[in-house]
């Protein structure tokens, strides 16, 4: 979050699904970056679907260790615009945010 703020973005982060849903309601973000691998009872895919219900015009990218196959298909079907293989360098992360902010142009 601090890196994106230093790059001129208004950014917020969430440590869990409860924080994520509260941030979605409060900020209505235009860009969502979501890690599918969560260490709680809620799946990242579920959060992606709910996030896009809260913010239907948001551009979403999913970070995952499985960027191909059924996982990717499910993410795209849920509304993700981009699937990104982890791990990811900070420069690549900013590039993804820039692309999503510009409507993937």
N, C-alpha and C. Protein backbone atom coordinates (compact mmCIF):
# COMPACT_ATOMS: atom_id res chain seq x y z
N UNK A 1 0.83 -1.19 0.00
CA UNK A 1 0.00 0.00 0.00
C UNK A 1 0.88 1.26 0.00
N UNK A 2 1.91 1.26 0.85
CA UNK A 2 2.78 2.44 0.92
C UNK A 2 3.45 2.71 -0.42
N UNK A 3 3.87 1.65 -1.10
CA UNK A 3 4.51 1.81 -2.41
C UNK A 3 3.56 2.48 -3.39
N UNK A 4 2.32 2.02 -3.45
CA UNK A 4 1.34 2.61 -4.36
C UNK A 4 1.05 4.06 -4.00
N UNK A 5 0.98 4.36 -2.71
CA UNK A 5 0.77 5.74 -2.30
C UNK A 5 1.95 6.62 -2.71
N UNK A 6 3.17 6.11 -2.61
CA UNK A 6 4.35 6.86 -3.05
C UNK A 6 4.32 7.09 -4.56
N UNK A 7 3.65 6.21 -5.29
CA UNK A 7 3.53 6.34 -6.74
C UNK A 7 2.34 7.20 -7.15
N UNK A 8 1.63 7.76 -6.16
CA UNK A 8 0.54 8.68 -6.46
C UNK A 8 -0.85 8.09 -6.42
N UNK A 9 -0.99 6.85 -6.04
CA UNK A 9 -2.32 6.22 -5.96
C UNK A 9 -2.91 6.39 -4.57
N UNK A 10 -4.23 6.49 -4.50
CA UNK A 10 -4.95 6.34 -3.24
C UNK A 10 -5.12 4.84 -3.08
N UNK A 11 -4.58 4.27 -2.02
CA UNK A 11 -4.60 2.82 -1.88
C UNK A 11 -4.96 2.43 -0.45
N UNK A 12 -5.57 1.28 -0.34
CA UNK A 12 -5.81 0.70 0.98
C UNK A 12 -5.60 -0.80 0.86
N UNK A 13 -5.34 -1.42 1.97
CA UNK A 13 -5.12 -2.86 1.99
C UNK A 13 -6.01 -3.51 3.02
N UNK A 14 -6.06 -4.82 2.96
CA UNK A 14 -6.86 -5.59 3.92
C UNK A 14 -6.10 -6.86 4.27
N UNK A 15 -6.12 -7.21 5.54
CA UNK A 15 -5.42 -8.41 6.02
C UNK A 15 -6.29 -9.65 5.99
N UNK A 16 -7.61 -9.46 5.88
CA UNK A 16 -8.52 -10.60 5.89
C UNK A 16 -9.82 -10.19 5.19
N UNK A 17 -10.73 -11.14 5.08
CA UNK A 17 -11.96 -10.88 4.34
C UNK A 17 -12.83 -9.82 5.03
N UNK A 18 -12.85 -9.80 6.35
CA UNK A 18 -13.65 -8.81 7.07
C UNK A 18 -13.16 -7.40 6.74
N UNK A 19 -11.83 -7.19 6.80
CA UNK A 19 -11.27 -5.89 6.44
C UNK A 19 -11.52 -5.56 4.97
N UNK A 20 -11.44 -6.56 4.13
CA UNK A 20 -11.65 -6.35 2.69
C UNK A 20 -13.07 -5.86 2.41
N UNK A 21 -14.05 -6.51 3.01
CA UNK A 21 -15.43 -6.12 2.78
C UNK A 21 -15.72 -4.72 3.34
N UNK A 22 -15.13 -4.40 4.49
CA UNK A 22 -15.32 -3.06 5.07
C UNK A 22 -14.70 -2.00 4.15
N UNK A 23 -13.52 -2.28 3.62
CA UNK A 23 -12.85 -1.33 2.71
C UNK A 23 -13.64 -1.18 1.42
N UNK A 24 -14.18 -2.26 0.91
CA UNK A 24 -14.98 -2.18 -0.32
C UNK A 24 -16.19 -1.27 -0.14
N UNK A 25 -16.88 -1.44 0.98
CA UNK A 25 -18.06 -0.62 1.23
C UNK A 25 -17.69 0.85 1.43
N UNK A 26 -16.57 1.10 2.11
CA UNK A 26 -16.17 2.47 2.43
C UNK A 26 -15.59 3.21 1.23
N UNK A 27 -14.72 2.54 0.45
CA UNK A 27 -13.96 3.24 -0.58
C UNK A 27 -14.45 3.02 -2.01
N UNK A 28 -15.20 1.96 -2.27
CA UNK A 28 -15.65 1.65 -3.63
C UNK A 28 -14.50 1.78 -4.64
N UNK A 29 -13.47 0.95 -4.51
CA UNK A 29 -12.27 1.10 -5.36
C UNK A 29 -12.54 0.83 -6.83
N UNK A 30 -11.71 1.45 -7.66
CA UNK A 30 -11.77 1.25 -9.11
C UNK A 30 -10.90 0.08 -9.54
N UNK A 31 -9.89 -0.24 -8.73
CA UNK A 31 -8.95 -1.33 -9.04
C UNK A 31 -8.87 -2.25 -7.83
N UNK A 32 -8.94 -3.54 -8.09
CA UNK A 32 -8.83 -4.55 -7.04
C UNK A 32 -7.68 -5.50 -7.38
N UNK A 33 -6.83 -5.75 -6.40
CA UNK A 33 -5.79 -6.76 -6.53
C UNK A 33 -6.04 -7.75 -5.40
N UNK A 34 -6.29 -8.99 -5.76
CA UNK A 34 -6.69 -9.99 -4.77
C UNK A 34 -5.83 -11.23 -4.87
N UNK A 35 -5.32 -11.66 -3.74
CA UNK A 35 -4.60 -12.92 -3.66
C UNK A 35 -5.62 -14.02 -3.40
N UNK A 36 -5.62 -15.06 -4.20
CA UNK A 36 -6.60 -16.14 -4.01
C UNK A 36 -6.28 -17.03 -2.83
N UNK A 37 -5.02 -17.11 -2.45
CA UNK A 37 -4.61 -18.01 -1.39
C UNK A 37 -4.76 -17.31 -0.04
N UNK A 38 -5.87 -17.52 0.61
CA UNK A 38 -6.15 -16.90 1.89
C UNK A 38 -6.09 -17.95 2.99
N UNK A 39 -5.64 -17.54 4.16
CA UNK A 39 -5.54 -18.45 5.29
C UNK A 39 -6.70 -18.23 6.25
N UNK A 40 -7.89 -18.33 5.72
CA UNK A 40 -9.09 -18.20 6.53
C UNK A 40 -10.20 -19.02 5.89
N UNK A 41 -11.36 -19.02 6.46
CA UNK A 41 -12.43 -19.87 5.99
C UNK A 41 -13.12 -19.42 4.72
N UNK A 42 -12.76 -18.26 4.19
CA UNK A 42 -13.39 -17.72 2.99
C UNK A 42 -12.40 -17.83 1.83
N UNK A 43 -12.86 -18.30 0.70
CA UNK A 43 -11.97 -18.42 -0.46
C UNK A 43 -11.76 -17.08 -1.13
N UNK A 44 -10.61 -16.92 -1.76
CA UNK A 44 -10.33 -15.71 -2.51
C UNK A 44 -11.30 -15.53 -3.66
N UNK A 45 -11.74 -16.62 -4.25
CA UNK A 45 -12.71 -16.55 -5.35
C UNK A 45 -14.04 -15.97 -4.85
N UNK A 46 -14.44 -16.39 -3.66
CA UNK A 46 -15.67 -15.84 -3.07
C UNK A 46 -15.53 -14.34 -2.85
N UNK A 47 -14.38 -13.92 -2.35
CA UNK A 47 -14.16 -12.49 -2.12
C UNK A 47 -14.16 -11.74 -3.44
N UNK A 48 -13.56 -12.32 -4.48
CA UNK A 48 -13.58 -11.68 -5.81
C UNK A 48 -15.01 -11.45 -6.27
N UNK A 49 -15.83 -12.47 -6.18
CA UNK A 49 -17.23 -12.34 -6.61
C UNK A 49 -17.96 -11.27 -5.82
N UNK A 50 -17.81 -11.29 -4.50
CA UNK A 50 -18.48 -10.31 -3.65
C UNK A 50 -17.94 -8.91 -3.90
N UNK A 51 -16.63 -8.80 -4.09
CA UNK A 51 -16.02 -7.49 -4.35
C UNK A 51 -16.60 -6.86 -5.60
N UNK A 52 -16.79 -7.66 -6.63
CA UNK A 52 -17.33 -7.13 -7.88
C UNK A 52 -18.83 -6.87 -7.80
N UNK A 53 -19.50 -7.46 -6.81
CA UNK A 53 -20.89 -7.08 -6.54
C UNK A 53 -20.92 -5.69 -5.90
N UNK A 54 -20.01 -5.44 -4.95
CA UNK A 54 -19.92 -4.12 -4.31
C UNK A 54 -19.48 -3.06 -5.31
N UNK A 55 -18.54 -3.41 -6.15
CA UNK A 55 -17.92 -2.46 -7.08
C UNK A 55 -17.95 -3.04 -8.49
N UNK A 56 -19.11 -3.05 -9.14
CA UNK A 56 -19.25 -3.73 -10.43
C UNK A 56 -18.40 -3.16 -11.55
N UNK A 57 -17.96 -1.93 -11.44
CA UNK A 57 -17.14 -1.33 -12.49
C UNK A 57 -15.64 -1.44 -12.22
N UNK A 58 -15.28 -2.07 -11.11
CA UNK A 58 -13.87 -2.19 -10.75
C UNK A 58 -13.16 -3.15 -11.71
N UNK A 59 -11.90 -2.86 -11.92
CA UNK A 59 -11.02 -3.72 -12.71
C UNK A 59 -10.27 -4.59 -11.70
N UNK A 60 -10.35 -5.91 -11.84
CA UNK A 60 -9.77 -6.81 -10.85
C UNK A 60 -8.68 -7.68 -11.44
N UNK A 61 -7.61 -7.82 -10.66
CA UNK A 61 -6.54 -8.76 -10.98
C UNK A 61 -6.43 -9.74 -9.83
N UNK A 62 -6.12 -10.98 -10.16
CA UNK A 62 -5.98 -12.03 -9.17
C UNK A 62 -4.54 -12.50 -9.17
N UNK A 63 -3.96 -12.57 -7.98
CA UNK A 63 -2.63 -13.12 -7.80
C UNK A 63 -2.78 -14.57 -7.35
N UNK A 64 -2.11 -15.47 -8.04
CA UNK A 64 -2.24 -16.88 -7.71
C UNK A 64 -1.01 -17.65 -8.15
N UNK A 65 -0.82 -18.78 -7.55
CA UNK A 65 0.24 -19.69 -7.97
C UNK A 65 -0.23 -20.60 -9.09
N UNK A 66 -1.48 -20.47 -9.49
CA UNK A 66 -2.07 -21.33 -10.53
C UNK A 66 -2.71 -20.45 -11.59
N UNK A 67 -1.91 -19.87 -12.47
CA UNK A 67 -2.44 -18.90 -13.43
C UNK A 67 -3.04 -19.53 -14.68
N UNK A 68 -3.08 -20.84 -14.74
CA UNK A 68 -3.67 -21.51 -15.90
C UNK A 68 -4.70 -22.53 -15.43
N UNK A 69 -5.48 -23.03 -16.36
CA UNK A 69 -6.42 -24.11 -16.06
C UNK A 69 -7.69 -23.62 -15.40
N UNK A 70 -8.28 -24.51 -14.59
CA UNK A 70 -9.60 -24.27 -14.02
C UNK A 70 -9.62 -23.08 -13.06
N UNK A 71 -8.54 -22.86 -12.33
CA UNK A 71 -8.51 -21.72 -11.41
C UNK A 71 -8.65 -20.43 -12.20
N UNK A 72 -7.87 -20.30 -13.26
CA UNK A 72 -7.95 -19.09 -14.09
C UNK A 72 -9.33 -18.95 -14.73
N UNK A 73 -9.87 -20.04 -15.23
CA UNK A 73 -11.20 -20.01 -15.84
C UNK A 73 -12.25 -19.50 -14.85
N UNK A 74 -12.18 -19.98 -13.60
CA UNK A 74 -13.13 -19.55 -12.58
C UNK A 74 -12.96 -18.07 -12.25
N UNK A 75 -11.72 -17.61 -12.21
CA UNK A 75 -11.46 -16.20 -11.92
C UNK A 75 -11.99 -15.30 -13.04
N UNK A 76 -11.70 -15.67 -14.27
CA UNK A 76 -12.21 -14.88 -15.40
C UNK A 76 -13.74 -14.90 -15.42
N UNK A 77 -14.33 -16.06 -15.15
CA UNK A 77 -15.79 -16.16 -15.13
C UNK A 77 -16.39 -15.29 -14.03
N UNK A 78 -15.65 -15.12 -12.93
CA UNK A 78 -16.13 -14.29 -11.82
C UNK A 78 -15.94 -12.80 -12.08
N UNK A 79 -15.17 -12.46 -13.12
CA UNK A 79 -15.02 -11.05 -13.48
C UNK A 79 -13.61 -10.51 -13.44
N UNK A 80 -12.62 -11.33 -13.12
CA UNK A 80 -11.24 -10.86 -13.12
C UNK A 80 -10.83 -10.47 -14.54
N UNK A 81 -10.08 -9.40 -14.65
CA UNK A 81 -9.58 -8.94 -15.95
C UNK A 81 -8.19 -9.48 -16.23
N UNK A 82 -7.51 -9.93 -15.17
CA UNK A 82 -6.13 -10.35 -15.31
C UNK A 82 -5.80 -11.38 -14.22
N UNK A 83 -5.04 -12.40 -14.61
CA UNK A 83 -4.52 -13.40 -13.67
C UNK A 83 -3.01 -13.25 -13.67
N UNK A 84 -2.43 -13.12 -12.49
CA UNK A 84 -0.99 -12.87 -12.37
C UNK A 84 -0.36 -13.97 -11.52
N UNK A 85 0.69 -14.57 -12.08
CA UNK A 85 1.41 -15.64 -11.39
C UNK A 85 2.27 -15.05 -10.26
N UNK A 86 2.20 -15.67 -9.09
CA UNK A 86 3.06 -15.30 -7.97
C UNK A 86 4.34 -16.12 -8.05
N UNK A 87 5.43 -15.65 -7.48
CA UNK A 87 5.62 -14.35 -6.85
C UNK A 87 5.73 -13.26 -7.90
N UNK A 88 5.58 -12.03 -7.44
CA UNK A 88 5.57 -10.90 -8.36
C UNK A 88 6.50 -9.80 -7.84
N UNK A 89 7.30 -9.24 -8.73
CA UNK A 89 8.18 -8.13 -8.38
C UNK A 89 7.37 -6.86 -8.21
N UNK A 90 7.83 -5.96 -7.36
CA UNK A 90 7.10 -4.73 -7.08
C UNK A 90 6.91 -3.88 -8.33
N UNK A 91 7.88 -3.88 -9.22
CA UNK A 91 7.74 -3.11 -10.46
C UNK A 91 6.61 -3.67 -11.32
N UNK A 92 6.50 -4.99 -11.38
CA UNK A 92 5.43 -5.64 -12.13
C UNK A 92 4.07 -5.34 -11.49
N UNK A 93 4.06 -5.30 -10.16
CA UNK A 93 2.83 -4.99 -9.44
C UNK A 93 2.31 -3.61 -9.85
N UNK A 94 3.19 -2.61 -9.85
CA UNK A 94 2.79 -1.26 -10.26
C UNK A 94 2.32 -1.26 -11.71
N UNK A 95 2.99 -1.99 -12.57
CA UNK A 95 2.59 -2.09 -13.98
C UNK A 95 1.16 -2.61 -14.10
N UNK A 96 0.83 -3.60 -13.30
CA UNK A 96 -0.52 -4.19 -13.31
C UNK A 96 -1.53 -3.15 -12.84
N UNK A 97 -1.23 -2.44 -11.77
CA UNK A 97 -2.13 -1.40 -11.27
C UNK A 97 -2.32 -0.32 -12.33
N UNK A 98 -1.23 0.08 -12.98
CA UNK A 98 -1.34 1.07 -14.05
C UNK A 98 -2.26 0.59 -15.18
N UNK A 99 -2.08 -0.66 -15.61
CA UNK A 99 -2.91 -1.21 -16.68
C UNK A 99 -4.38 -1.25 -16.28
N UNK A 100 -4.65 -1.72 -15.07
CA UNK A 100 -6.04 -1.78 -14.62
C UNK A 100 -6.64 -0.38 -14.47
N UNK A 101 -5.85 0.55 -14.00
CA UNK A 101 -6.33 1.93 -13.82
C UNK A 101 -6.68 2.57 -15.15
N UNK A 102 -6.00 2.15 -16.18
CA UNK A 102 -6.23 2.69 -17.52
C UNK A 102 -7.17 1.81 -18.35
N UNK A 103 -7.89 0.94 -17.69
CA UNK A 103 -8.85 0.09 -18.39
C UNK A 103 -8.19 -0.95 -19.28
N UNK A 104 -6.99 -1.39 -18.92
CA UNK A 104 -6.24 -2.41 -19.67
C UNK A 104 -5.85 -1.95 -21.07
N UNK A 105 -5.79 -0.65 -21.27
CA UNK A 105 -5.42 -0.15 -22.60
C UNK A 105 -3.94 -0.29 -22.86
